[in-house]
Amino acid sequence: MNTKPADLLKADPYIALRYSEFRSYIGMRFFLTFAYQIQAVVIGWHVYQLTKDPLSLGLIGLAEAIPAISISLYGGYVADKSDKKKLLVWIIAAMALCSAVLFLVTMPQNIFNLSKSLTIAVIYIMILCIGVARGFYSPTAFSLMAQIIPKEHYPNSSTWNSGSWQIASIVGPAAGGLLYGFSGVTACFIVILVFTLLAMIFIKFFVKNQPPQFIPKENIITSLSEGIKFVFNSRMLLGALSLDMFSVFFGGAVALLPIFAHDILKVGAEGLGMLRAAPAAGAVITMFAMARYSPMGKPWRNLLFAVTGFGLSIIAFGLSKNFYLSLVFLFFEGAFDSVSVIIRSTILQLLTPDEMRGRVAAVNSMFIGSSNEIGAFESGATAKLMGTIPAVLFGGSMTLIVVAVTWLKTKRLVPLSLKEIHPH
């Protein structure tokens, strides 16, 4: 098949799913994200119950983001020169081990007789270790997907890949909140471990080995710098990553949802699960629409519109005092964010050479992958300083300012079509 970029907009919306290895890949993505989302809800709620401090929620994000950013470039280098499948299996196994430790230290029986402060310290250490694993996971998973799907189907595969993540992000938080509320923390971690192992099985047994396409011929510093130079030399790629990074950084209201559930909306752990699931519900519905009606007609214009809607939704959520209205605003936040993710992922896949995918994905991870966690810290810190609701309103307003500045600096890109962006 030799489909041109202009034809990608009219492609079969299910074409990527016709490849068995890609189905296994998104199965892995679903199970791992499902487990991760349950864990995020459980740890956030558990830590807030122990501390009653908004900053403690921000520190969870920071504990994961610092190692993920620090190791990300090296993770991309390792991904480029390694068998992607084997490396991914080891990464998921490391995540499972961290979850097993969290399972033990959060047991109500407190079998290690740990004090409250020591329990919190161990939780933060395990989150930090998961951050290290994530520094390797993002570039490895990105590179693997590019090897199991033909290049002409990258836009469609990006949509379904994002969709598998978003569906798990609906089911995971809701399941986490309900499980925690009705069965306790131990049952949650049993489910987390089971689904993490299922993710590892999907990659181990249903995807072929993927040998490296990059053989290092220079020192590691030069190899690492190639990915950075490529991103900074591509104006559209750099612009898309920067826009998403700053909007997610300032729009980290999700980190404060335990406070909204407990203190403002008063809906408990079960309501927290629904609040966490609402953005992903909006994202999934949008994803199904985008599989048929691609946003890549005028991607830069659509990206700016999407991030604007994201910022407005955050402001509306911050002003809401009604639980169901808050769910609606979070739903739209996820819908707009989904459009942004699909556009950015497609641009990244189309513009990146095969031999540099791990390193470029590492740069992407530094921009985007950890901005959620750093944004969580920003939200926790601003909530500590100015209060929860003002912190959310500040974040949404800053997102709109970022969009305005980006539009002023990139007017030339707004009318461009996909064919003009990627003519070959």
Protein backbone atom coordinates (compact mmCIF):
# COMPACT_ATOMS: atom_id res chain seq x y z
CA MET A 1 0.00 0.00 0.00
CA ASN A 2 1.30 3.44 -0.88
CA THR A 3 -1.19 5.87 0.63
CA LYS A 4 -0.32 9.57 0.48
CA PRO A 5 -0.85 11.85 3.49
CA ALA A 6 -3.78 13.58 1.80
CA ASP A 7 -5.55 10.21 1.57
CA LEU A 8 -5.10 9.48 5.27
CA LEU A 9 -8.15 11.58 6.09
CA LYS A 10 -10.37 9.18 4.08
CA ALA A 11 -8.85 5.90 5.32
CA ASP A 12 -10.76 2.94 6.76
CA PRO A 13 -11.37 4.00 10.41
CA TYR A 14 -10.58 0.42 11.59
CA ILE A 15 -7.53 -0.24 9.40
CA ALA A 16 -4.98 -0.28 12.26
CA LEU A 17 -7.07 -2.82 14.18
CA ARG A 18 -6.73 -5.30 11.31
CA TYR A 19 -3.11 -5.95 12.40
CA SER A 20 -2.97 -8.61 15.14
CA GLU A 21 0.20 -7.28 16.77
CA PHE A 22 -1.32 -3.81 16.99
CA ARG A 23 -4.40 -5.30 18.68
CA SER A 24 -2.09 -6.96 21.21
CA TYR A 25 -0.23 -3.68 21.68
CA ILE A 26 -3.36 -1.68 22.49
CA GLY A 27 -4.52 -4.55 24.72
CA MET A 28 -1.29 -4.10 26.66
CA ARG A 29 -1.82 -0.35 26.73
CA PHE A 30 -5.36 -0.81 28.01
CA PHE A 31 -4.51 -3.24 30.83
CA LEU A 32 -1.46 -1.30 32.00
CA THR A 33 -3.33 2.03 31.95
CA PHE A 34 -6.31 0.47 33.73
CA ALA A 35 -4.02 -0.70 36.54
CA TYR A 36 -2.16 2.62 36.61
CA GLN A 37 -5.38 4.65 36.85
CA ILE A 38 -6.74 2.54 39.70
CA GLN A 39 -3.42 3.00 41.48
CA ALA A 40 -3.49 6.78 40.93
CA VAL A 41 -6.95 7.06 42.51
CA VAL A 42 -6.08 4.75 45.41
CA ILE A 43 -2.75 6.40 46.21
CA GLY A 44 -4.18 9.93 45.91
CA TRP A 45 -7.10 9.15 48.21
CA HIS A 46 -4.99 7.12 50.65
CA VAL A 47 -2.28 9.78 50.98
CA TYR A 48 -4.83 12.58 51.42
CA GLN A 49 -6.59 10.55 54.12
CA LEU A 50 -3.25 10.18 55.92
CA THR A 51 -2.10 13.81 55.56
CA LYS A 52 -5.13 16.08 54.85
CA ASP A 53 -2.62 18.28 53.00
CA PRO A 54 -3.15 19.46 49.37
CA LEU A 55 0.61 19.71 48.89
CA SER A 56 0.96 15.97 49.55
CA LEU A 57 -1.07 15.34 46.39
CA GLY A 58 1.24 17.57 44.39
CA LEU A 59 4.27 15.76 45.81
CA ILE A 60 2.94 12.47 44.42
CA GLY A 61 3.17 13.95 40.93
CA LEU A 62 6.58 15.45 41.58
CA ALA A 63 7.95 12.16 42.93
CA GLU A 64 7.03 10.49 39.64
CA ALA A 65 7.96 13.34 37.30
CA ILE A 66 11.51 14.03 38.47
CA PRO A 67 12.91 10.55 37.69
CA ALA A 68 10.79 10.21 34.54
CA ILE A 69 12.24 13.45 33.13
CA SER A 70 15.76 12.76 34.37
CA ILE A 71 16.00 9.30 32.81
CA SER A 72 13.88 9.95 29.72
CA LEU A 73 16.64 10.87 27.24
CA TYR A 74 18.72 7.86 28.26
CA GLY A 75 15.56 5.75 28.07
CA GLY A 76 15.06 6.84 24.47
CA TYR A 77 18.68 5.98 23.63
CA VAL A 78 18.27 2.52 25.18
CA ALA A 79 14.97 2.00 23.35
CA ASP A 80 16.53 2.85 19.97
CA LYS A 81 19.39 0.37 20.41
CA SER A 82 17.41 -2.46 22.08
CA ASP A 83 14.83 -5.09 21.21
CA LYS A 84 11.64 -3.13 21.95
CA LYS A 85 9.56 -6.13 23.00
CA LYS A 86 12.08 -7.52 25.50
CA LEU A 87 12.74 -4.11 27.01
CA LEU A 88 9.02 -3.42 27.44
CA VAL A 89 8.50 -6.73 29.27
CA TRP A 90 11.22 -5.81 31.79
CA ILE A 91 9.75 -2.33 32.27
CA ILE A 92 6.26 -3.68 33.02
CA ALA A 93 7.75 -6.25 35.40
CA ALA A 94 9.44 -3.42 37.32
CA MET A 95 6.12 -1.56 37.57
CA ALA A 96 4.47 -4.71 38.90
CA LEU A 97 7.15 -5.05 41.58
CA CYS A 98 6.55 -1.45 42.73
CA SER A 99 2.81 -2.09 42.91
CA ALA A 100 3.47 -5.22 44.98
CA VAL A 101 5.42 -3.15 47.53
CA LEU A 102 2.60 -0.55 47.63
CA PHE A 103 0.15 -3.43 48.20
CA LEU A 104 2.13 -4.58 51.24
CA VAL A 105 2.65 -1.18 52.90
CA THR A 106 -0.97 -0.02 52.49
CA MET A 107 -2.55 -3.16 53.94
CA PRO A 108 -4.86 -2.25 56.85
CA GLN A 109 -3.16 -4.91 58.98
CA ASN A 110 0.11 -2.92 58.68
CA ILE A 111 2.11 -6.16 58.71
CA PHE A 112 5.40 -4.24 58.90
CA ASN A 113 4.21 -2.07 61.83
CA LEU A 114 5.20 1.07 59.94
CA SER A 115 4.45 4.50 61.34
CA LYS A 116 2.28 6.89 59.33
CA SER A 117 5.28 8.98 58.24
CA LEU A 118 7.29 5.90 57.19
CA THR A 119 4.32 4.51 55.26
CA ILE A 120 4.02 7.78 53.33
CA ALA A 121 7.78 7.78 52.69
CA VAL A 122 7.67 4.25 51.24
CA ILE A 123 4.71 5.23 49.03
CA TYR A 124 6.67 8.19 47.64
CA ILE A 125 9.76 6.01 47.04
CA MET A 126 7.71 3.48 45.06
CA ILE A 127 6.12 6.29 43.03
CA LEU A 128 9.64 7.54 42.31
CA CYS A 129 10.65 4.04 41.10
CA ILE A 130 7.58 3.93 38.85
CA GLY A 131 8.74 7.28 37.46
CA VAL A 132 12.08 5.70 36.54
CA ALA A 133 10.26 2.87 34.75
CA ARG A 134 8.12 5.42 32.93
CA GLY A 135 11.26 7.15 31.66
CA PHE A 136 12.00 3.95 29.73
CA TYR A 137 8.36 2.98 29.00
CA SER A 138 7.25 5.98 26.93
CA PRO A 139 10.01 5.91 24.26
CA THR A 140 9.99 2.10 24.13
CA ALA A 141 6.22 1.83 23.64
CA PHE A 142 6.23 4.63 21.04
CA SER A 143 9.02 2.94 19.08
CA LEU A 144 7.37 -0.48 19.27
CA MET A 145 4.08 0.80 17.87
CA ALA A 146 5.89 2.35 14.91
CA GLN A 147 7.42 -1.06 14.08
CA ILE A 148 4.20 -3.09 14.11
CA ILE A 149 2.02 -0.81 11.96
CA PRO A 150 2.70 0.50 8.43
CA LYS A 151 3.58 4.18 8.21
CA GLU A 152 0.57 5.08 6.10
CA HIS A 153 -1.68 4.02 9.00
CA TYR A 154 0.04 6.10 11.71
CA PRO A 155 -2.83 8.65 12.03
CA ASN A 156 -5.36 5.85 12.50
CA SER A 157 -3.11 3.93 14.90
CA SER A 158 -2.55 7.11 16.94
CA THR A 159 -6.30 7.51 17.29
CA TRP A 160 -6.84 3.93 18.48
CA ASN A 161 -3.77 4.02 20.70
CA SER A 162 -5.07 7.16 22.36
CA GLY A 163 -8.51 5.56 22.55
CA SER A 164 -7.28 2.45 24.39
CA TRP A 165 -5.61 4.72 26.93
CA GLN A 166 -8.72 6.86 27.32
CA ILE A 167 -11.11 3.92 27.71
CA ALA A 168 -8.91 2.51 30.46
CA SER A 169 -8.87 5.99 31.97
CA ILE A 170 -12.66 5.88 32.23
CA VAL A 171 -12.97 2.39 33.65
CA GLY A 172 -9.85 2.57 35.85
CA PRO A 173 -10.72 5.57 38.07
CA ALA A 174 -14.36 4.51 38.40
CA ALA A 175 -13.29 0.96 39.34
CA GLY A 176 -10.66 2.33 41.71
CA GLY A 177 -13.11 4.59 43.52
CA LEU A 178 -15.77 1.89 43.81
CA LEU A 179 -13.30 -0.81 44.85
CA TYR A 180 -11.72 1.44 47.47
CA GLY A 181 -15.10 2.55 48.78
CA PHE A 182 -16.66 -0.92 49.03
CA SER A 183 -13.73 -3.36 49.37
CA GLY A 184 -10.77 -1.37 50.66
CA VAL A 185 -7.22 -0.73 49.55
CA THR A 186 -6.09 -4.40 49.54
CA ALA A 187 -8.67 -5.44 46.92
CA CYS A 188 -7.59 -2.50 44.76
CA PHE A 189 -3.97 -3.58 44.70
CA ILE A 190 -4.86 -7.20 43.90
CA VAL A 191 -6.71 -5.94 40.81
CA ILE A 192 -3.78 -3.65 39.95
CA LEU A 193 -1.31 -6.54 40.06
CA VAL A 194 -3.54 -8.85 37.99
CA PHE A 195 -3.99 -6.33 35.19
CA THR A 196 -0.32 -5.32 35.17
CA LEU A 197 0.60 -8.99 34.65
CA LEU A 198 -2.00 -9.26 31.87
CA ALA A 199 -0.33 -6.33 30.11
CA MET A 200 3.00 -8.12 30.29
CA ILE A 201 1.47 -11.31 28.87
CA PHE A 202 0.01 -9.45 25.88
CA ILE A 203 3.46 -8.18 24.89
CA LYS A 204 5.45 -11.29 25.84
CA PHE A 205 3.38 -13.84 23.92
CA PHE A 206 1.55 -11.95 21.17
CA VAL A 207 4.14 -9.55 19.73
CA LYS A 208 7.25 -10.59 17.80
CA ASN A 209 10.73 -9.55 18.84
CA GLN A 210 11.59 -6.13 17.43
CA PRO A 211 15.37 -5.79 16.87
CA PRO A 212 16.87 -2.29 16.92
CA GLN A 213 17.08 -0.19 13.75
CA PHE A 214 19.73 2.05 15.31
CA ILE A 215 23.33 0.95 15.88
CA PRO A 216 25.25 3.64 17.81
CA LYS A 217 28.35 4.81 15.91
CA GLU A 218 29.18 7.77 18.12
CA ASN A 219 29.36 8.43 21.85
CA ILE A 220 26.20 8.45 23.94
CA ILE A 221 26.15 12.25 24.40
CA THR A 222 26.11 12.82 20.62
CA SER A 223 23.40 10.19 20.16
CA LEU A 224 21.22 11.75 22.85
CA SER A 225 21.63 15.25 21.43
CA GLU A 226 20.39 14.14 17.99
CA GLY A 227 16.85 13.68 19.31
CA ILE A 228 16.86 17.11 20.95
CA LYS A 229 18.23 18.81 17.83
CA PHE A 230 15.62 17.13 15.62
CA VAL A 231 12.73 18.39 17.76
CA PHE A 232 14.09 21.93 18.08
CA ASN A 233 14.73 22.13 14.31
CA SER A 234 11.10 21.22 13.53
CA ARG A 235 8.99 24.32 14.16
CA MET A 236 5.64 22.52 14.09
CA LEU A 237 6.80 19.64 16.26
CA LEU A 238 8.37 21.98 18.80
CA GLY A 239 5.27 24.20 18.78
CA ALA A 240 2.90 21.27 19.34
CA LEU A 241 4.97 19.86 22.20
CA SER A 242 5.37 23.28 23.85
CA LEU A 243 1.66 24.08 23.60
CA ASP A 244 0.66 20.76 25.14
CA MET A 245 3.32 20.96 27.83
CA PHE A 246 2.29 24.37 29.14
CA SER A 247 -1.45 23.73 28.86
CA VAL A 248 -1.16 20.44 30.77
CA PHE A 249 1.22 22.03 33.30
CA PHE A 250 -1.26 24.77 34.17
CA GLY A 251 -4.33 22.60 33.66
CA GLY A 252 -3.50 19.98 36.30
CA ALA A 253 -6.87 20.25 38.08
CA VAL A 254 -7.22 16.44 38.13
CA ALA A 255 -4.59 16.26 40.88
CA LEU A 256 -6.93 18.22 43.17
CA LEU A 257 -9.96 15.99 42.60
CA PRO A 258 -9.57 14.23 45.99
CA ILE A 259 -10.07 17.65 47.61
CA PHE A 260 -13.11 18.42 45.43
CA ALA A 261 -14.59 14.97 46.20
CA HIS A 262 -13.92 15.14 49.93
CA ASP A 263 -14.29 18.80 50.90
CA ILE A 264 -16.16 20.72 48.17
CA LEU A 265 -18.59 18.34 46.44
CA LYS A 266 -18.65 15.86 49.37
CA VAL A 267 -19.13 12.72 47.25
CA GLY A 268 -16.54 10.39 48.82
CA ALA A 269 -14.22 7.86 47.14
CA GLU A 270 -17.00 6.63 44.85
CA GLY A 271 -17.62 10.16 43.58
CA LEU A 272 -13.87 10.64 43.15
CA GLY A 273 -13.82 7.67 40.80
CA MET A 274 -16.58 9.25 38.70
CA LEU A 275 -14.80 12.62 38.64
CA ARG A 276 -11.57 10.93 37.51
CA ALA A 277 -13.46 8.98 34.84
CA ALA A 278 -15.39 11.93 33.38
CA PRO A 279 -12.52 13.47 31.33
CA ALA A 280 -11.67 10.08 29.86
CA ALA A 281 -15.34 9.49 28.96
CA GLY A 282 -15.30 12.70 26.93
CA ALA A 283 -12.01 11.67 25.35
CA VAL A 284 -13.25 8.23 24.29
CA ILE A 285 -16.43 9.51 22.66
CA THR A 286 -14.36 12.13 20.85
CA MET A 287 -11.85 9.46 19.83
CA PHE A 288 -14.57 7.41 18.10
CA ALA A 289 -15.66 10.53 16.25
CA MET A 290 -12.06 11.35 15.29
CA ALA A 291 -11.51 7.83 13.91
CA ARG A 292 -14.04 8.70 11.21
CA TYR A 293 -13.69 12.48 11.03
CA SER A 294 -9.99 13.20 11.34
CA PRO A 295 -8.88 16.51 12.92
CA MET A 296 -5.87 16.52 10.58
CA GLY A 297 -7.53 18.62 7.83
CA LYS A 298 -6.04 21.81 9.31
CA PRO A 299 -4.19 20.38 12.30
CA TRP A 300 -2.64 23.53 13.74
CA ARG A 301 -5.90 25.48 13.69
CA ASN A 302 -7.72 22.53 15.27
CA LEU A 303 -5.00 22.12 17.90
CA LEU A 304 -5.36 25.76 19.00
CA PHE A 305 -9.17 25.43 19.16
CA ALA A 306 -8.87 22.23 21.20
CA VAL A 307 -6.50 23.66 23.80
CA THR A 308 -8.71 26.78 24.10
CA GLY A 309 -11.70 24.54 24.87
CA PHE A 310 -9.56 22.63 27.37
CA GLY A 311 -8.73 25.83 29.28
CA LEU A 312 -12.34 27.08 29.30
CA SER A 313 -13.55 23.70 30.61
CA ILE A 314 -11.08 23.87 33.52
CA ILE A 315 -12.31 27.35 34.49
CA ALA A 316 -15.94 26.22 34.35
CA PHE A 317 -15.14 23.18 36.52
CA GLY A 318 -13.45 25.39 39.10
CA LEU A 319 -16.55 27.59 39.33
CA SER A 320 -19.00 24.69 39.63
CA LYS A 321 -20.44 23.68 43.01
CA ASN A 322 -22.73 20.97 41.60
CA PHE A 323 -21.40 17.41 41.28
CA TYR A 324 -23.22 16.59 38.03
CA LEU A 325 -22.32 19.91 36.43
CA SER A 326 -18.70 19.30 37.43
CA LEU A 327 -18.86 15.93 35.65
CA VAL A 328 -20.06 17.69 32.49
CA PHE A 329 -17.21 20.20 32.53
CA LEU A 330 -14.65 17.45 33.15
CA PHE A 331 -16.21 15.51 30.26
CA PHE A 332 -15.58 18.44 27.90
CA GLU A 333 -12.08 18.90 29.27
CA GLY A 334 -11.30 15.33 28.25
CA ALA A 335 -12.97 15.74 24.86
CA PHE A 336 -10.87 18.76 23.94
CA ASP A 337 -7.71 17.15 25.32
CA SER A 338 -8.33 14.05 23.17
CA VAL A 339 -8.30 16.13 19.96
CA SER A 340 -5.03 17.72 21.06
CA VAL A 341 -3.43 14.34 21.82
CA ILE A 342 -4.45 12.83 18.46
CA ILE A 343 -3.07 15.78 16.47
CA ARG A 344 0.20 15.90 18.41
CA SER A 345 0.71 12.10 18.24
CA THR A 346 0.10 12.03 14.49
CA ILE A 347 2.51 14.90 13.82
CA LEU A 348 5.12 13.14 15.98
CA GLN A 349 4.70 9.81 14.18
CA LEU A 350 4.77 11.32 10.68
CA LEU A 351 7.77 13.61 11.13
CA THR A 352 10.09 11.29 13.10
CA PRO A 353 12.64 9.08 11.24
CA ASP A 354 12.51 5.37 12.19
CA GLU A 355 16.05 5.27 13.58
CA MET A 356 15.35 8.19 15.96
CA ARG A 357 11.92 7.26 17.32
CA GLY A 358 13.09 6.33 20.81
CA ARG A 359 15.12 9.50 21.33
CA VAL A 360 12.47 11.80 19.85
CA ALA A 361 9.81 10.04 21.94
CA ALA A 362 12.04 10.66 24.96
CA VAL A 363 12.03 14.39 24.20
CA ASN A 364 8.25 14.18 23.80
CA SER A 365 8.07 12.45 27.17
CA MET A 366 10.11 15.24 28.74
CA PHE A 367 7.72 17.82 27.28
CA ILE A 368 4.42 15.99 27.72
CA GLY A 369 4.73 12.70 29.56
CA SER A 370 5.73 14.25 32.88
CA SER A 371 3.98 17.59 32.54
CA ASN A 372 0.89 15.92 34.05
CA GLU A 373 2.85 15.13 37.21
CA ILE A 374 4.63 18.49 37.34
CA GLY A 375 1.26 20.13 36.67
CA ALA A 376 -0.08 18.13 39.62
CA PHE A 377 2.65 19.60 41.80
CA GLU A 378 1.89 23.09 40.48
CA SER A 379 -1.80 22.59 41.30
CA GLY A 380 -1.01 21.23 44.77
CA ALA A 381 1.39 24.09 45.51
CA THR A 382 -0.96 26.83 44.27
CA ALA A 383 -3.86 25.22 46.16
CA LYS A 384 -1.74 25.36 49.31
CA LEU A 385 -0.93 29.05 48.69
CA MET A 386 -4.22 30.46 47.36
CA GLY A 387 -6.87 27.81 47.96
CA THR A 388 -8.22 24.98 45.81
CA ILE A 389 -10.76 26.83 43.64
CA PRO A 390 -8.50 29.87 42.93
CA ALA A 391 -5.73 27.44 41.96
CA VAL A 392 -7.97 25.77 39.35
CA LEU A 393 -9.13 29.12 37.97
CA PHE A 394 -5.51 30.31 37.78
CA GLY A 395 -4.51 27.17 35.87
CA GLY A 396 -7.33 27.49 33.32
CA SER A 397 -6.59 31.18 32.78
CA MET A 398 -2.88 30.51 32.23
CA THR A 399 -3.80 27.85 29.65
CA LEU A 400 -5.76 30.45 27.67
CA ILE A 401 -2.82 32.86 27.84
CA VAL A 402 -0.49 30.13 26.51
CA VAL A 403 -2.85 29.55 23.55
CA ALA A 404 -3.00 33.28 22.79
CA VAL A 405 0.79 33.63 22.82
CA THR A 406 1.20 30.49 20.66
CA TRP A 407 -1.34 31.79 18.12
CA LEU A 408 0.50 35.10 17.85
CA LYS A 409 3.80 33.32 17.21
CA THR A 410 2.50 30.67 14.77
CA LYS A 411 -0.11 32.43 12.60
CA ARG A 412 1.64 31.09 9.49
CA LEU A 413 0.88 27.49 10.49
CA VAL A 414 -2.85 27.98 11.15
CA PRO A 415 -4.16 27.56 7.55
CA LEU A 416 -1.82 24.64 6.63
CA SER A 417 -3.29 21.26 5.68
CA LEU A 418 -1.78 17.83 6.46
CA LYS A 419 -0.45 17.59 2.90
CA GLU A 420 1.35 20.93 3.28
CA ILE A 421 2.85 19.83 6.60
CA HIS A 422 4.01 16.41 5.38
CA PRO A 423 4.12 16.42 1.57
CA HIS A 424 6.05 13.13 1.15
